[in-house]
Amino acid sequence: MVEQNVKLGQKIRCLLAAVSCCLLALPGTAKKKTLVAGQGAHYEVAMKTSEGSIRFRLFNDTPKHRDNFVKLAERGFYDNVLFHRVIRDFMIQAGDPESVEASQVKVYGNADAGYKLDAEIVPRYYHKRGAVAAAREGDEANPSRQSSSSQFYIVTGRVQNDSTLTAARNKIAERAADPEGAQITAEREKVYRTVGGAPHLDGSYTIFGEVVSGMGTVMKISKLPTDSQDRPKGEDVYIKNVKIKTVKDRKRDK
C-alpha cells in the first residue's frame, strides 16, 4: 500500500509539472515586456484640443525636454491652456499656465512652469512642417538658449523658394549653435521646397518632437483670424487634455 501511494504521488507530481510547462507555453501567459522610452521605444503624445486632436512623438535624444513634457502632461499641467500665439505660415504656440484664466484683455506668453531647461539642440532635427519645439527668450536675454519649461510651438511654416532659403542660410550662419550641423542640406532643401517649414530657426531652438497625425488640426488652428497680439479671435482655442503612452520604435523611428 505504501509503495502504491509513493508511486501515485510521483505520478501526480509529474502530471502537475507537465501541466505547468504547457501553461507556460500557451500564448498570452508569458509576462508582457514593459516598454521603456529610449530602449527600443518612445513616448507618444495624444493632445485633444478644442479644434481636434494632434498626436506627436517625443525624441529620445532630447531627454530633458522629453521627460519634462511627460511630467507636466501627466499632472494635467496643459489642461485648458490656450494656444495664445498663432501666426499663419509660421507656427502655433501654447504652454503659458496663466492662460487657463482666459482673460480677454490680458496678453499671454510670459509665464511657464517656473524654471528653464538647458538647450538640447540636435543637428539632425530641423524646422520642417510638424516639428515640435520649445519656445524661449531671445538670444540677447538668453545667450545659452535655455528653453521655456512649458511653452512649445508646432511649426506650420511655408513652402520655401530660392530667396527665402538664401535668407535662412544667412540667418543660420549668424545664429545657429552649430552652423555646420544646421546647414540646409539637399535633403532638407527638398522638404522645405515641397512640404514647407521655418528654416531660419534651425540650430537655434530645441526641437524635441514631431507630429505623427493630426496635422490638419494644426493647420486649422494656424489659419484662424487673430488679433494684434497673434491670439485667435472669438472662441478661445485651447488644449482639453494630454495623454502619454509608450510606443515601440519602428525602423524609421531610429
C-alpha atoms as a PDB file:
ATOM      1  CA  MET A   1       0.000   0.000   0.000  1.00  0.00           C
ATOM      2  CA  VAL A   2       2.802   2.389   0.954  1.00  0.00           C
ATOM      3  CA  GLU A   3       4.604   1.630  -2.326  1.00  0.00           C
ATOM      4  CA  GLN A   4       1.410   2.300  -4.290  1.00  0.00           C
ATOM      5  CA  ASN A   5       0.944   5.668  -2.523  1.00  0.00           C
ATOM      6  CA  VAL A   6       4.532   6.641  -3.323  1.00  0.00           C
ATOM      7  CA  LYS A   7       4.070   5.759  -6.983  1.00  0.00           C
ATOM      8  CA  LEU A   8       0.757   7.647  -7.064  1.00  0.00           C
ATOM      9  CA  GLY A   9       2.434  10.713  -5.553  1.00  0.00           C
ATOM     10  CA  GLN A  10       5.192  10.577  -8.145  1.00  0.00           C
ATOM     11  CA  LYS A  11       2.644  10.356 -10.960  1.00  0.00           C
ATOM     12  CA  ILE A  12       0.721  13.354  -9.592  1.00  0.00           C
ATOM     13  CA  ARG A  13       3.906  15.445  -9.332  1.00  0.00           C
ATOM     14  CA  CYS A  14       4.868  14.536 -12.900  1.00  0.00           C
ATOM     15  CA  LEU A  15       1.378  15.432 -14.119  1.00  0.00           C
ATOM     16  CA  LEU A  16       1.448  18.813 -12.357  1.00  0.00           C
ATOM     17  CA  ALA A  17       4.877  19.584 -13.807  1.00  0.00           C
ATOM     18  CA  ALA A  18       3.648  18.736 -17.304  1.00  0.00           C
ATOM     19  CA  VAL A  19       0.576  20.966 -16.887  1.00  0.00           C
ATOM     20  CA  SER A  20       2.780  23.857 -15.692  1.00  0.00           C
ATOM     21  CA  CYS A  21       5.022  23.520 -18.740  1.00  0.00           C
ATOM     22  CA  CYS A  22       2.001  23.545 -21.040  1.00  0.00           C
ATOM     23  CA  LEU A  23       0.604  26.686 -19.403  1.00  0.00           C
ATOM     24  CA  LEU A  24       3.929  28.480 -19.778  1.00  0.00           C
ATOM     25  CA  ALA A  25       3.967  27.620 -23.458  1.00  0.00           C
ATOM     26  CA  LEU A  26       0.459  28.954 -24.112  1.00  0.00           C
ATOM     27  CA  PRO A  27       0.234  32.309 -25.976  1.00  0.00           C
ATOM     28  CA  GLY A  28      -0.512  35.231 -23.706  1.00  0.00           C
ATOM     29  CA  THR A  29       0.576  33.555 -20.477  1.00  0.00           C
ATOM     30  CA  ALA A  30       4.135  34.924 -20.602  1.00  0.00           C
ATOM     31  CA  LYS A  31       4.707  38.232 -18.816  1.00  0.00           C
ATOM     32  CA  LYS A  32       4.370  41.171 -21.192  1.00  0.00           C
ATOM     33  CA  LYS A  33       7.605  43.117 -21.612  1.00  0.00           C
ATOM     34  CA  THR A  34       7.399  46.674 -20.316  1.00  0.00           C
ATOM     35  CA  LEU A  35       8.248  49.301 -22.936  1.00  0.00           C
ATOM     36  CA  VAL A  36      10.804  51.877 -21.829  1.00  0.00           C
ATOM     37  CA  ALA A  37      11.418  55.133 -23.721  1.00  0.00           C
ATOM     38  CA  GLY A  38      14.952  55.163 -25.057  1.00  0.00           C
ATOM     39  CA  GLN A  39      15.193  51.368 -25.013  1.00  0.00           C
ATOM     40  CA  GLY A  40      13.514  50.438 -28.266  1.00  0.00           C
ATOM     41  CA  ALA A  41      10.513  52.644 -27.569  1.00  0.00           C
ATOM     42  CA  HIS A  42       9.447  56.297 -27.357  1.00  0.00           C
ATOM     43  CA  TYR A  43       6.716  58.438 -25.834  1.00  0.00           C
ATOM     44  CA  GLU A  44       3.758  59.467 -27.945  1.00  0.00           C
ATOM     45  CA  VAL A  45       1.552  62.422 -27.007  1.00  0.00           C
ATOM     46  CA  ALA A  46      -2.191  62.394 -27.669  1.00  0.00           C
ATOM     47  CA  MET A  47      -3.346  66.001 -27.402  1.00  0.00           C
ATOM     48  CA  LYS A  48      -7.037  66.784 -27.593  1.00  0.00           C
ATOM     49  CA  THR A  49      -7.754  70.423 -28.461  1.00  0.00           C
ATOM     50  CA  SER A  50     -10.911  72.455 -28.973  1.00  0.00           C
ATOM     51  CA  GLU A  51     -10.282  72.181 -32.725  1.00  0.00           C
ATOM     52  CA  GLY A  52      -9.452  68.470 -32.947  1.00  0.00           C
ATOM     53  CA  SER A  53      -6.740  66.002 -31.997  1.00  0.00           C
ATOM     54  CA  ILE A  54      -2.972  66.099 -32.543  1.00  0.00           C
ATOM     55  CA  ARG A  55      -0.529  63.255 -31.944  1.00  0.00           C
ATOM     56  CA  PHE A  56       3.210  63.715 -31.779  1.00  0.00           C
ATOM     57  CA  ARG A  57       6.175  61.623 -30.764  1.00  0.00           C
ATOM     58  CA  LEU A  58       8.887  62.826 -28.383  1.00  0.00           C
ATOM     59  CA  PHE A  59      12.525  62.340 -29.350  1.00  0.00           C
ATOM     60  CA  ASN A  60      14.713  60.215 -27.100  1.00  0.00           C
ATOM     61  CA  ASP A  61      17.858  62.219 -27.851  1.00  0.00           C
ATOM     62  CA  THR A  62      16.355  65.301 -26.182  1.00  0.00           C
ATOM     63  CA  PRO A  63      15.763  63.534 -22.838  1.00  0.00           C
ATOM     64  CA  LYS A  64      15.438  66.634 -20.635  1.00  0.00           C
ATOM     65  CA  HIS A  65      12.697  68.089 -22.808  1.00  0.00           C
ATOM     66  CA  ARG A  66      11.076  64.685 -23.335  1.00  0.00           C
ATOM     67  CA  ASP A  67      10.867  63.830 -19.646  1.00  0.00           C
ATOM     68  CA  ASN A  68       9.830  67.340 -18.667  1.00  0.00           C
ATOM     69  CA  PHE A  69       6.928  67.358 -21.130  1.00  0.00           C
ATOM     70  CA  VAL A  70       5.764  63.943 -19.909  1.00  0.00           C
ATOM     71  CA  LYS A  71       5.962  65.070 -16.276  1.00  0.00           C
ATOM     72  CA  LEU A  72       3.866  68.178 -16.914  1.00  0.00           C
ATOM     73  CA  ALA A  73       1.341  66.367 -19.101  1.00  0.00           C
ATOM     74  CA  GLU A  74       0.790  63.573 -16.595  1.00  0.00           C
ATOM     75  CA  ARG A  75      -0.036  66.026 -13.837  1.00  0.00           C
ATOM     76  CA  GLY A  76      -2.566  67.852 -16.023  1.00  0.00           C
ATOM     77  CA  PHE A  77      -0.485  70.997 -16.462  1.00  0.00           C
ATOM     78  CA  TYR A  78      -1.632  71.571 -20.053  1.00  0.00           C
ATOM     79  CA  ASP A  79      -5.349  71.029 -19.447  1.00  0.00           C
ATOM     80  CA  ASN A  80      -7.315  74.122 -20.588  1.00  0.00           C
ATOM     81  CA  VAL A  81      -4.157  76.019 -21.578  1.00  0.00           C
ATOM     82  CA  LEU A  82      -4.682  78.300 -24.598  1.00  0.00           C
ATOM     83  CA  PHE A  83      -2.942  78.415 -27.928  1.00  0.00           C
ATOM     84  CA  HIS A  84      -2.154  82.030 -27.160  1.00  0.00           C
ATOM     85  CA  ARG A  85       0.065  82.774 -30.176  1.00  0.00           C
ATOM     86  CA  VAL A  86      -0.835  81.776 -33.720  1.00  0.00           C
ATOM     87  CA  ILE A  87       0.996  83.070 -36.787  1.00  0.00           C
ATOM     88  CA  ARG A  88      -0.165  81.909 -40.191  1.00  0.00           C
ATOM     89  CA  ASP A  89       2.552  80.252 -42.299  1.00  0.00           C
ATOM     90  CA  PHE A  90       4.813  80.037 -39.248  1.00  0.00           C
ATOM     91  CA  MET A  91       3.655  78.229 -36.086  1.00  0.00           C
ATOM     92  CA  ILE A  92       1.110  77.762 -33.299  1.00  0.00           C
ATOM     93  CA  GLN A  93       2.235  78.182 -29.678  1.00  0.00           C
ATOM     94  CA  ALA A  94       0.860  77.130 -26.276  1.00  0.00           C
ATOM     95  CA  GLY A  95       2.022  76.373 -22.743  1.00  0.00           C
ATOM     96  CA  ASP A  96       1.523  79.553 -20.694  1.00  0.00           C
ATOM     97  CA  PRO A  97      -0.168  78.286 -17.482  1.00  0.00           C
ATOM     98  CA  GLU A  98      -1.710  81.697 -16.789  1.00  0.00           C
ATOM     99  CA  SER A  99      -3.761  81.414 -19.964  1.00  0.00           C
ATOM    100  CA  VAL A 100      -6.200  78.990 -18.298  1.00  0.00           C
ATOM    101  CA  GLU A 101      -7.927  82.062 -16.869  1.00  0.00           C
ATOM    102  CA  ALA A 102      -8.673  83.066 -20.486  1.00  0.00           C
ATOM    103  CA  SER A 103      -8.874  86.790 -19.827  1.00  0.00           C
ATOM    104  CA  GLN A 104      -9.965  88.727 -22.893  1.00  0.00           C
ATOM    105  CA  VAL A 105      -7.717  91.683 -22.060  1.00  0.00           C
ATOM    106  CA  LYS A 106      -4.526  90.052 -20.780  1.00  0.00           C
ATOM    107  CA  VAL A 107      -1.628  89.252 -23.113  1.00  0.00           C
ATOM    108  CA  TYR A 108      -0.217  85.765 -22.544  1.00  0.00           C
ATOM    109  CA  GLY A 109       3.178  84.285 -23.292  1.00  0.00           C
ATOM    110  CA  ASN A 110       5.370  85.360 -20.363  1.00  0.00           C
ATOM    111  CA  ALA A 111       4.765  82.527 -17.880  1.00  0.00           C
ATOM    112  CA  ASP A 112       5.936  78.927 -17.717  1.00  0.00           C
ATOM    113  CA  ALA A 113       6.342  76.182 -15.103  1.00  0.00           C
ATOM    114  CA  GLY A 114       8.787  78.298 -13.109  1.00  0.00           C
ATOM    115  CA  TYR A 115      12.158  77.066 -14.347  1.00  0.00           C
ATOM    116  CA  LYS A 116      14.211  76.754 -17.546  1.00  0.00           C
ATOM    117  CA  LEU A 117      15.625  73.781 -19.421  1.00  0.00           C
ATOM    118  CA  ASP A 118      19.139  73.624 -20.821  1.00  0.00           C
ATOM    119  CA  ALA A 119      19.170  73.609 -24.612  1.00  0.00           C
ATOM    120  CA  GLU A 120      19.274  70.239 -26.384  1.00  0.00           C
ATOM    121  CA  ILE A 121      19.819  71.356 -29.971  1.00  0.00           C
ATOM    122  CA  VAL A 122      20.362  68.204 -32.023  1.00  0.00           C
ATOM    123  CA  PRO A 123      21.709  68.989 -35.533  1.00  0.00           C
ATOM    124  CA  ARG A 124      19.701  66.286 -37.300  1.00  0.00           C
ATOM    125  CA  TYR A 125      16.377  67.851 -36.331  1.00  0.00           C
ATOM    126  CA  TYR A 126      15.146  70.807 -38.329  1.00  0.00           C
ATOM    127  CA  HIS A 127      12.097  73.046 -38.552  1.00  0.00           C
ATOM    128  CA  LYS A 128      10.077  71.211 -41.159  1.00  0.00           C
ATOM    129  CA  ARG A 129       6.302  71.426 -41.001  1.00  0.00           C
ATOM    130  CA  GLY A 130       5.141  69.406 -37.984  1.00  0.00           C
ATOM    131  CA  ALA A 131       8.280  69.872 -35.866  1.00  0.00           C
ATOM    132  CA  VAL A 132       7.554  70.381 -32.155  1.00  0.00           C
ATOM    133  CA  ALA A 133       9.994  72.726 -30.411  1.00  0.00           C
ATOM    134  CA  ALA A 134      10.493  74.581 -27.150  1.00  0.00           C
ATOM    135  CA  ALA A 135       9.811  78.305 -27.037  1.00  0.00           C
ATOM    136  CA  ARG A 136      12.358  80.536 -25.334  1.00  0.00           C
ATOM    137  CA  GLU A 137      13.501  84.095 -24.744  1.00  0.00           C
ATOM    138  CA  GLY A 138      15.624  85.750 -27.440  1.00  0.00           C
ATOM    139  CA  ASP A 139      19.402  85.447 -27.690  1.00  0.00           C
ATOM    140  CA  GLU A 140      20.139  88.844 -26.158  1.00  0.00           C
ATOM    141  CA  ALA A 141      18.433  87.958 -22.868  1.00  0.00           C
ATOM    142  CA  ASN A 142      19.178  84.258 -23.178  1.00  0.00           C
ATOM    143  CA  PRO A 143      22.552  83.625 -24.877  1.00  0.00           C
ATOM    144  CA  SER A 144      22.664  79.990 -23.689  1.00  0.00           C
ATOM    145  CA  ARG A 145      19.308  79.413 -25.439  1.00  0.00           C
ATOM    146  CA  GLN A 146      17.632  77.800 -22.475  1.00  0.00           C
ATOM    147  CA  SER A 147      14.095  76.667 -23.193  1.00  0.00           C
ATOM    148  CA  SER A 148      10.856  77.603 -21.502  1.00  0.00           C
ATOM    149  CA  SER A 149       9.854  74.780 -19.183  1.00  0.00           C
ATOM    150  CA  SER A 150       6.331  74.566 -20.589  1.00  0.00           C
ATOM    151  CA  GLN A 151       5.796  76.685 -23.693  1.00  0.00           C
ATOM    152  CA  PHE A 152       6.152  74.911 -27.029  1.00  0.00           C
ATOM    153  CA  TYR A 153       5.324  75.530 -30.656  1.00  0.00           C
ATOM    154  CA  ILE A 154       4.385  73.377 -33.626  1.00  0.00           C
ATOM    155  CA  VAL A 155       5.766  74.512 -36.972  1.00  0.00           C
ATOM    156  CA  THR A 156       3.441  75.111 -39.901  1.00  0.00           C
ATOM    157  CA  GLY A 157       5.774  77.278 -41.963  1.00  0.00           C
ATOM    158  CA  ARG A 158       5.527  77.901 -45.666  1.00  0.00           C
ATOM    159  CA  VAL A 159       6.913  76.352 -48.816  1.00  0.00           C
ATOM    160  CA  GLN A 160      10.342  77.894 -49.405  1.00  0.00           C
ATOM    161  CA  ASN A 161      11.940  79.282 -52.571  1.00  0.00           C
ATOM    162  CA  ASP A 162      15.432  80.402 -53.633  1.00  0.00           C
ATOM    163  CA  SER A 163      15.086  83.778 -51.951  1.00  0.00           C
ATOM    164  CA  THR A 164      13.741  82.550 -48.604  1.00  0.00           C
ATOM    165  CA  LEU A 165      16.255  79.705 -48.443  1.00  0.00           C
ATOM    166  CA  THR A 166      19.150  82.104 -49.066  1.00  0.00           C
ATOM    167  CA  ALA A 167      17.881  84.331 -46.258  1.00  0.00           C
ATOM    168  CA  ALA A 168      17.533  81.295 -43.986  1.00  0.00           C
ATOM    169  CA  ARG A 169      21.085  80.146 -44.737  1.00  0.00           C
ATOM    170  CA  ASN A 170      22.386  83.597 -43.812  1.00  0.00           C
ATOM    171  CA  LYS A 171      20.395  83.548 -40.572  1.00  0.00           C
ATOM    172  CA  ILE A 172      21.717  80.086 -39.679  1.00  0.00           C
ATOM    173  CA  ALA A 173      25.303  81.204 -40.309  1.00  0.00           C
ATOM    174  CA  GLU A 174      24.770  84.146 -37.930  1.00  0.00           C
ATOM    175  CA  ARG A 175      22.810  82.493 -35.141  1.00  0.00           C
ATOM    176  CA  ALA A 176      22.988  78.694 -35.112  1.00  0.00           C
ATOM    177  CA  ALA A 177      24.733  76.987 -32.204  1.00  0.00           C
ATOM    178  CA  ASP A 178      26.359  74.673 -34.752  1.00  0.00           C
ATOM    179  CA  PRO A 179      26.138  76.388 -38.170  1.00  0.00           C
ATOM    180  CA  GLU A 180      27.780  73.458 -39.933  1.00  0.00           C
ATOM    181  CA  GLY A 181      25.430  70.910 -38.371  1.00  0.00           C
ATOM    182  CA  ALA A 182      22.404  73.100 -39.108  1.00  0.00           C
ATOM    183  CA  GLN A 183      23.222  73.535 -42.791  1.00  0.00           C
ATOM    184  CA  ILE A 184      20.300  73.178 -45.184  1.00  0.00           C
ATOM    185  CA  THR A 185      21.371  70.026 -46.983  1.00  0.00           C
ATOM    186  CA  ALA A 186      19.943  68.919 -50.321  1.00  0.00           C
ATOM    187  CA  GLU A 187      17.587  66.568 -48.477  1.00  0.00           C
ATOM    188  CA  ARG A 188      16.332  69.318 -46.159  1.00  0.00           C
ATOM    189  CA  GLU A 189      16.019  71.764 -49.018  1.00  0.00           C
ATOM    190  CA  LYS A 190      13.739  69.336 -50.840  1.00  0.00           C
ATOM    191  CA  VAL A 191      11.478  69.116 -47.780  1.00  0.00           C
ATOM    192  CA  TYR A 192      11.435  72.884 -47.340  1.00  0.00           C
ATOM    193  CA  ARG A 193      10.596  73.420 -51.017  1.00  0.00           C
ATOM    194  CA  THR A 194       7.800  70.834 -51.102  1.00  0.00           C
ATOM    195  CA  VAL A 195       6.369  70.422 -47.588  1.00  0.00           C
ATOM    196  CA  GLY A 196       7.427  73.696 -46.009  1.00  0.00           C
ATOM    197  CA  GLY A 197       8.767  74.849 -42.677  1.00  0.00           C
ATOM    198  CA  ALA A 198      10.715  77.592 -40.916  1.00  0.00           C
ATOM    199  CA  PRO A 199      14.396  77.029 -41.814  1.00  0.00           C
ATOM    200  CA  HIS A 200      15.619  80.333 -40.363  1.00  0.00           C
ATOM    201  CA  LEU A 201      15.185  78.828 -36.857  1.00  0.00           C
ATOM    202  CA  ASP A 202      17.372  75.787 -37.489  1.00  0.00           C
ATOM    203  CA  GLY A 203      20.166  75.330 -34.982  1.00  0.00           C
ATOM    204  CA  SER A 204      18.790  77.946 -32.580  1.00  0.00           C
ATOM    205  CA  TYR A 205      15.888  76.212 -30.810  1.00  0.00           C
ATOM    206  CA  THR A 206      15.436  72.786 -29.248  1.00  0.00           C
ATOM    207  CA  ILE A 207      13.248  70.548 -31.400  1.00  0.00           C
ATOM    208  CA  PHE A 208      12.036  67.703 -29.196  1.00  0.00           C
ATOM    209  CA  GLY A 209       9.288  66.024 -31.211  1.00  0.00           C
ATOM    210  CA  GLU A 210       7.286  65.793 -34.423  1.00  0.00           C
ATOM    211  CA  VAL A 211       3.631  65.431 -35.346  1.00  0.00           C
ATOM    212  CA  VAL A 212       2.644  61.928 -36.473  1.00  0.00           C
ATOM    213  CA  SER A 213      -1.054  62.612 -37.064  1.00  0.00           C
ATOM    214  CA  GLY A 214      -3.491  65.480 -36.761  1.00  0.00           C
ATOM    215  CA  MET A 215      -1.537  67.972 -38.851  1.00  0.00           C
ATOM    216  CA  GLY A 216      -4.908  69.002 -40.265  1.00  0.00           C
ATOM    217  CA  THR A 217      -5.852  70.245 -36.800  1.00  0.00           C
ATOM    218  CA  VAL A 218      -2.588  72.183 -36.555  1.00  0.00           C
ATOM    219  CA  MET A 219      -3.201  73.824 -39.930  1.00  0.00           C
ATOM    220  CA  LYS A 220      -6.806  74.613 -38.994  1.00  0.00           C
ATOM    221  CA  ILE A 221      -5.620  76.465 -35.894  1.00  0.00           C
ATOM    222  CA  SER A 222      -2.881  78.237 -37.868  1.00  0.00           C
ATOM    223  CA  LYS A 223      -5.411  79.718 -40.292  1.00  0.00           C
ATOM    224  CA  LEU A 224      -7.729  81.222 -37.690  1.00  0.00           C
ATOM    225  CA  PRO A 225      -8.055  85.022 -37.695  1.00  0.00           C
ATOM    226  CA  THR A 226      -6.010  86.638 -34.921  1.00  0.00           C
ATOM    227  CA  ASP A 227      -5.788  89.973 -33.110  1.00  0.00           C
ATOM    228  CA  SER A 228      -2.816  92.338 -32.906  1.00  0.00           C
ATOM    229  CA  GLN A 229      -1.189  90.075 -30.275  1.00  0.00           C
ATOM    230  CA  ASP A 230      -1.488  86.975 -32.515  1.00  0.00           C
ATOM    231  CA  ARG A 231      -4.192  85.458 -30.314  1.00  0.00           C
ATOM    232  CA  PRO A 232      -7.089  83.782 -32.143  1.00  0.00           C
ATOM    233  CA  LYS A 233     -10.190  85.961 -32.235  1.00  0.00           C
ATOM    234  CA  GLY A 234     -13.600  84.875 -30.991  1.00  0.00           C
ATOM    235  CA  GLU A 235     -13.789  81.481 -29.311  1.00  0.00           C
ATOM    236  CA  ASP A 236     -10.665  80.508 -27.389  1.00  0.00           C
ATOM    237  CA  VAL A 237      -8.523  77.749 -28.873  1.00  0.00           C
ATOM    238  CA  TYR A 238      -7.245  75.539 -26.084  1.00  0.00           C
ATOM    239  CA  ILE A 239      -5.854  72.161 -25.065  1.00  0.00           C
ATOM    240  CA  LYS A 240      -8.535  69.978 -23.485  1.00  0.00           C
ATOM    241  CA  ASN A 241      -6.221  67.275 -22.201  1.00  0.00           C
ATOM    242  CA  VAL A 242      -2.985  65.437 -22.926  1.00  0.00           C
ATOM    243  CA  LYS A 243      -2.357  61.702 -22.628  1.00  0.00           C
ATOM    244  CA  ILE A 244       1.022  59.967 -22.844  1.00  0.00           C
ATOM    245  CA  LYS A 245       1.721  56.419 -23.950  1.00  0.00           C
ATOM    246  CA  THR A 246       4.891  54.460 -24.668  1.00  0.00           C
ATOM    247  CA  VAL A 247       5.171  53.108 -28.209  1.00  0.00           C
ATOM    248  CA  LYS A 248       7.584  50.582 -29.667  1.00  0.00           C
ATOM    249  CA  ASP A 249      10.058  52.059 -32.153  1.00  0.00           C
ATOM    250  CA  ARG A 250       9.748  51.228 -35.815  1.00  0.00           C
ATOM    251  CA  LYS A 251      12.786  51.136 -38.106  1.00  0.00           C
ATOM    252  CA  ARG A 252      12.105  54.636 -39.397  1.00  0.00           C
ATOM    253  CA  ASP A 253      11.925  55.967 -35.814  1.00  0.00           C
ATOM    254  CA  LYS A 254      15.538  55.013 -35.043  1.00  0.00           C
END
